[in-house]
Protein backbone atom coordinates (compact mmCIF):
# COMPACT_ATOMS: atom_id res chain seq x y z
CA MET A 1 5.59 9.70 30.02
CA ALA A 2 5.52 8.72 26.62
CA ALA A 3 6.43 10.49 23.50
CA ALA A 4 3.77 11.58 21.28
CA ALA A 5 3.51 10.13 17.91
CA PRO A 6 5.18 12.09 14.59
CA ILE A 7 2.43 13.44 12.66
CA LEU A 8 2.21 11.56 8.99
CA LYS A 9 2.48 13.41 6.28
CA VAL A 10 3.06 10.74 3.73
CA ALA A 11 3.35 7.33 3.03
CA GLY A 12 3.36 4.25 0.79
CA VAL A 13 4.20 0.87 0.07
CA ALA A 14 5.53 -0.77 -3.06
CA ASP A 15 5.41 -4.53 -4.38
CA GLY A 16 8.40 -6.28 -6.58
CA VAL A 17 6.31 -8.14 -9.25
CA GLY A 18 7.58 -11.75 -8.31
CA GLY A 19 7.84 -12.82 -11.57
CA TRP A 20 10.88 -11.35 -12.09
CA ALA A 21 12.69 -14.13 -10.18
CA SER A 22 12.59 -16.77 -12.98
CA LYS A 23 14.77 -14.72 -14.93
CA GLY A 24 17.48 -13.96 -11.88
CA ILE A 25 16.58 -10.59 -10.84
CA ASP A 26 15.84 -9.30 -7.24
CA ALA A 27 11.91 -9.10 -7.13
CA GLY A 28 12.54 -6.38 -4.55
CA GLU A 29 15.20 -3.83 -5.49
CA TYR A 30 13.05 -2.17 -8.36
CA ALA A 31 10.62 -1.97 -5.12
CA ARG A 32 13.01 -0.39 -2.92
CA ASP A 33 14.68 1.97 -5.81
CA LEU A 34 10.94 3.29 -6.44
CA MET A 35 10.56 4.08 -2.67
CA ARG A 36 14.03 5.97 -2.40
CA ASN A 37 13.02 7.85 -5.15
CA CYS A 38 9.83 8.91 -3.57
CA ILE A 39 11.33 9.96 -0.91
CA ALA A 40 13.72 12.36 -2.82
CA SER A 41 11.14 13.32 -4.83
CA VAL A 42 8.97 14.41 -1.59
CA ALA A 43 11.60 16.26 -0.43
CA ARG A 44 11.83 18.46 -3.03
CA ALA A 45 7.93 19.15 -3.41
CA ASP A 46 7.02 22.40 -2.72
CA GLY A 47 3.60 22.78 -0.95
CA VAL A 48 1.06 20.02 -1.26
CA VAL A 49 2.41 16.96 -1.58
CA LYS A 50 0.78 15.10 -4.75
CA PRO A 51 1.24 11.39 -4.86
CA ASN A 52 0.41 11.06 -8.61
CA ARG A 53 3.02 13.33 -9.28
CA VAL A 54 5.44 12.00 -6.84
CA MET A 55 4.75 8.03 -8.53
CA THR A 56 5.46 9.79 -11.53
CA GLU A 57 9.02 11.55 -11.50
CA ALA A 58 9.81 8.88 -8.82
CA HIS A 59 9.33 6.47 -11.81
CA SER A 60 11.16 8.72 -14.40
CA ARG A 61 13.94 8.42 -12.34
CA THR A 62 13.64 4.06 -10.96
CA THR A 63 16.14 2.58 -13.08
CA ALA A 64 16.76 -1.09 -11.43
CA ALA A 65 15.55 -3.89 -13.19
CA GLY A 66 11.97 -5.37 -12.80
CA SER A 67 8.55 -3.75 -11.95
CA SER A 68 6.46 -2.99 -9.15
CA THR A 69 2.93 -1.70 -7.86
CA ALA A 70 2.67 0.88 -5.62
CA CYS A 71 0.29 2.99 -3.20
CA LEU A 72 1.42 6.50 -1.64
CA ILE A 73 -1.13 8.79 0.06
CA SER A 74 -0.42 12.38 1.71
CA PHE A 75 -2.05 14.27 3.94
CA ASP A 76 -2.41 17.76 3.85
CA GLY A 77 -4.02 19.42 6.72
CA GLN A 78 -7.66 18.54 5.39
CA TYR A 79 -7.45 15.95 2.35
CA LEU A 80 -6.28 12.58 1.94
CA ARG A 81 -4.67 12.62 -1.28
CA ALA A 82 -3.68 8.89 -3.14
CA ALA A 83 -2.56 7.20 -5.84
CA ASN A 84 -2.74 3.61 -6.45
CA LEU A 85 -1.25 1.64 -9.50
CA GLY A 86 -1.39 -2.42 -8.97
CA ASP A 87 -3.09 -4.61 -6.14
CA SER A 88 -1.77 -2.63 -3.14
CA GLY A 89 -4.33 0.38 -2.10
CA PHE A 90 -5.23 2.04 1.11
CA MET A 91 -8.60 2.01 3.00
CA ARG A 92 -10.32 4.35 5.22
CA ARG A 93 -12.52 2.83 8.10
CA GLY A 94 -7.34 -9.25 -15.21
CA PHE A 95 -7.16 -11.91 -12.46
CA ASN A 96 -3.70 -12.06 -10.54
CA CYS A 97 -1.50 -9.97 -13.41
CA PRO A 98 -1.90 -6.00 -11.50
CA TYR A 99 -1.21 -3.01 -13.68
CA GLN A 100 3.29 -2.45 -13.24
CA MET A 101 5.45 0.23 -13.27
CA GLY A 102 8.84 -0.66 -14.40
CA THR A 103 11.53 -0.38 -16.43
CA GLY A 104 10.03 -2.55 -19.59
CA GLU A 105 8.49 -1.51 -22.76
CA ARG A 106 4.81 -3.47 -21.48
CA CYS A 107 5.17 -1.97 -18.31
CA ASP A 108 2.29 0.43 -17.38
CA LYS A 109 3.10 4.39 -16.93
CA PRO A 110 2.04 5.73 -13.17
CA GLU A 111 0.25 9.12 -15.33
CA THR A 112 -1.95 7.55 -16.89
CA ALA A 113 -2.78 3.85 -15.34
CA ALA A 114 -2.50 5.01 -11.58
CA TRP A 115 -5.82 5.83 -9.78
CA SER A 116 -5.55 9.06 -7.67
CA GLY A 117 -7.89 11.51 -5.96
CA LYS A 118 -8.46 12.73 -3.07
CA ILE A 119 -10.75 12.65 0.34
CA GLN A 120 -11.75 15.09 2.79
CA MET A 121 -10.94 13.90 6.14
CA ALA A 122 -11.72 14.65 10.08
CA ALA A 123 -9.86 13.83 13.24
CA GLY A 124 -10.21 10.27 14.70
CA ASP A 125 -10.19 8.69 10.68
CA ILE A 126 -7.88 5.96 10.69
CA ILE A 127 -5.54 5.28 7.49
CA VAL A 128 -4.74 1.52 6.46
CA VAL A 129 -2.04 0.74 3.51
CA GLY A 130 -0.96 -2.02 2.51
CA THR A 131 0.58 -4.57 -0.26
CA ASP A 132 -1.11 -7.52 -1.62
CA GLY A 133 -0.04 -9.39 0.65
CA LEU A 134 -2.66 -7.84 3.47
CA LEU A 135 -5.24 -7.23 0.67
CA ASP A 136 -5.18 -11.03 -0.70
CA ASN A 137 -5.42 -12.50 3.07
CA VAL A 138 -7.63 -10.24 4.93
CA PHE A 139 -10.82 -9.10 3.83
CA ALA A 140 -12.07 -5.33 4.63
CA LYS A 141 -14.47 -6.31 7.37
CA GLU A 142 -11.66 -7.99 9.50
CA ILE A 143 -9.83 -5.02 8.92
CA VAL A 144 -12.22 -2.89 10.39
CA GLU A 145 -12.84 -5.15 12.91
CA VAL A 146 -9.66 -5.94 14.13
CA LEU A 147 -9.12 -1.77 14.30
CA ALA A 148 -12.88 -1.26 16.34
CA ALA A 149 -11.28 -3.74 18.66
CA GLU A 150 -8.69 -0.91 19.87
CA VAL A 151 -6.68 -3.32 21.36
CA ALA A 152 -3.57 -1.70 19.93
CA GLU A 153 -2.39 1.50 21.51
CA THR A 154 -0.36 2.88 19.21
CA ALA A 155 -0.84 3.03 15.01
CA LYS A 156 2.41 0.92 14.67
CA ASP A 157 0.65 -1.60 16.83
CA SER A 158 -2.24 -2.11 14.34
CA ALA A 159 -0.16 -2.29 11.79
CA ARG A 160 1.48 -5.36 13.58
CA LEU A 161 -1.52 -6.91 14.41
CA LEU A 162 -2.91 -6.49 10.79
CA ALA A 163 0.38 -8.03 9.25
CA GLU A 164 0.46 -10.97 11.81
CA LEU A 165 -3.47 -11.47 10.42
CA ALA A 166 -1.99 -11.72 7.00
CA TRP A 167 0.37 -13.85 7.36
CA TYR A 168 -1.89 -16.51 9.74
CA ASN A 169 -4.46 -16.10 7.18
CA SER A 170 -1.46 -16.62 4.07
CA LEU A 171 -0.99 -20.41 5.91
CA ASP A 172 -4.47 -21.08 6.35
CA VAL A 173 -4.93 -24.16 3.44
CA LEU A 174 -8.78 -24.46 4.22
CA LYS A 175 -10.63 -20.68 4.68
CA ASP A 176 -10.64 -19.04 1.85
CA GLY A 177 -9.31 -15.91 1.40
CA PRO A 178 -10.10 -12.21 -0.54
CA PHE A 179 -7.78 -13.93 -3.44
CA ALA A 180 -9.37 -17.61 -3.39
CA VAL A 181 -12.81 -15.34 -4.05
CA LYS A 182 -11.02 -13.18 -6.49
CA ALA A 183 -9.21 -16.59 -8.19
CA ARG A 184 -13.31 -18.37 -8.61
CA LYS A 185 -14.33 -15.25 -9.88
CA ALA A 186 -11.85 -15.31 -12.75
CA GLY A 187 -12.38 -18.88 -13.03
CA ARG A 188 -9.66 -20.14 -11.66
CA SER A 189 -8.90 -22.89 -8.37
CA HIS A 190 -7.27 -21.37 -5.27
CA ARG A 191 -8.24 -22.36 -1.86
CA GLY A 192 -7.46 -21.12 1.53
CA GLY A 193 -4.99 -18.17 1.55
CA LYS A 194 -1.89 -16.57 -0.37
CA ILE A 195 1.64 -16.62 1.09
CA ASP A 196 2.86 -13.39 -0.06
CA ASP A 197 4.83 -10.51 0.96
CA ILE A 198 3.15 -8.56 3.18
CA THR A 199 3.36 -4.56 4.44
CA VAL A 200 1.29 -2.43 5.90
CA VAL A 201 0.93 1.46 7.21
CA VAL A 202 -1.53 2.51 9.32
CA ALA A 203 -1.77 6.05 10.35
CA LYS A 204 -4.64 7.69 12.49
CA VAL A 205 -5.68 11.08 12.49
CA THR A 206 -5.70 13.55 15.28
CA ALA A 207 -6.29 17.05 15.76
CA ALA A 208 -3.02 18.01 15.72
CA SER A 209 -2.57 17.18 11.95
CA PHE A 210 -4.77 19.28 11.42
CA SER A 211 -2.86 22.39 13.17
CA CYS A 212 0.17 21.25 11.89
CA ARG A 213 0.20 23.20 8.03
């Protein structure tokens, strides 16, 4: 008998800004430090987890050099709450220079730059959270098609399929993806996909999620 999947309450992704590599700084260290601090902030939360508050607190405690985009979501049994800063993002069923939080003076602050809000949820809803490695290489309609095909047995399988599709599209030098479309709108030249780090989290809202308070 298959084990029941854990009920998701909070999820998030962070994508370190690669430009720091030119200064000899590991672009992923800030993102990892930020997520560790997000986990600690969630553990200290009392009651409803508010992603914007978690992001702000984690940012204030993150000391690694660098900067990162981030997207956090939480589910309280009725509402999906989200905070997003930069070009990571989530779905429910200035070009190439995103907002980013970091330790530098020119970096953005989550309390002022992050989008935050809440969406009422229903059993059966599917939530996709991803870095720009997903969103720059897979159109929203393609993500919906993968989920609608119902070939994946679990949310983890769905995340893997979407990550594999993003990786495949990123290597395509002929078929324009979302990044190429945005590039043209910004007056830039880009063809095909965009090779980048790819992180995908998929969650399914179930009836059990609503009964767990």
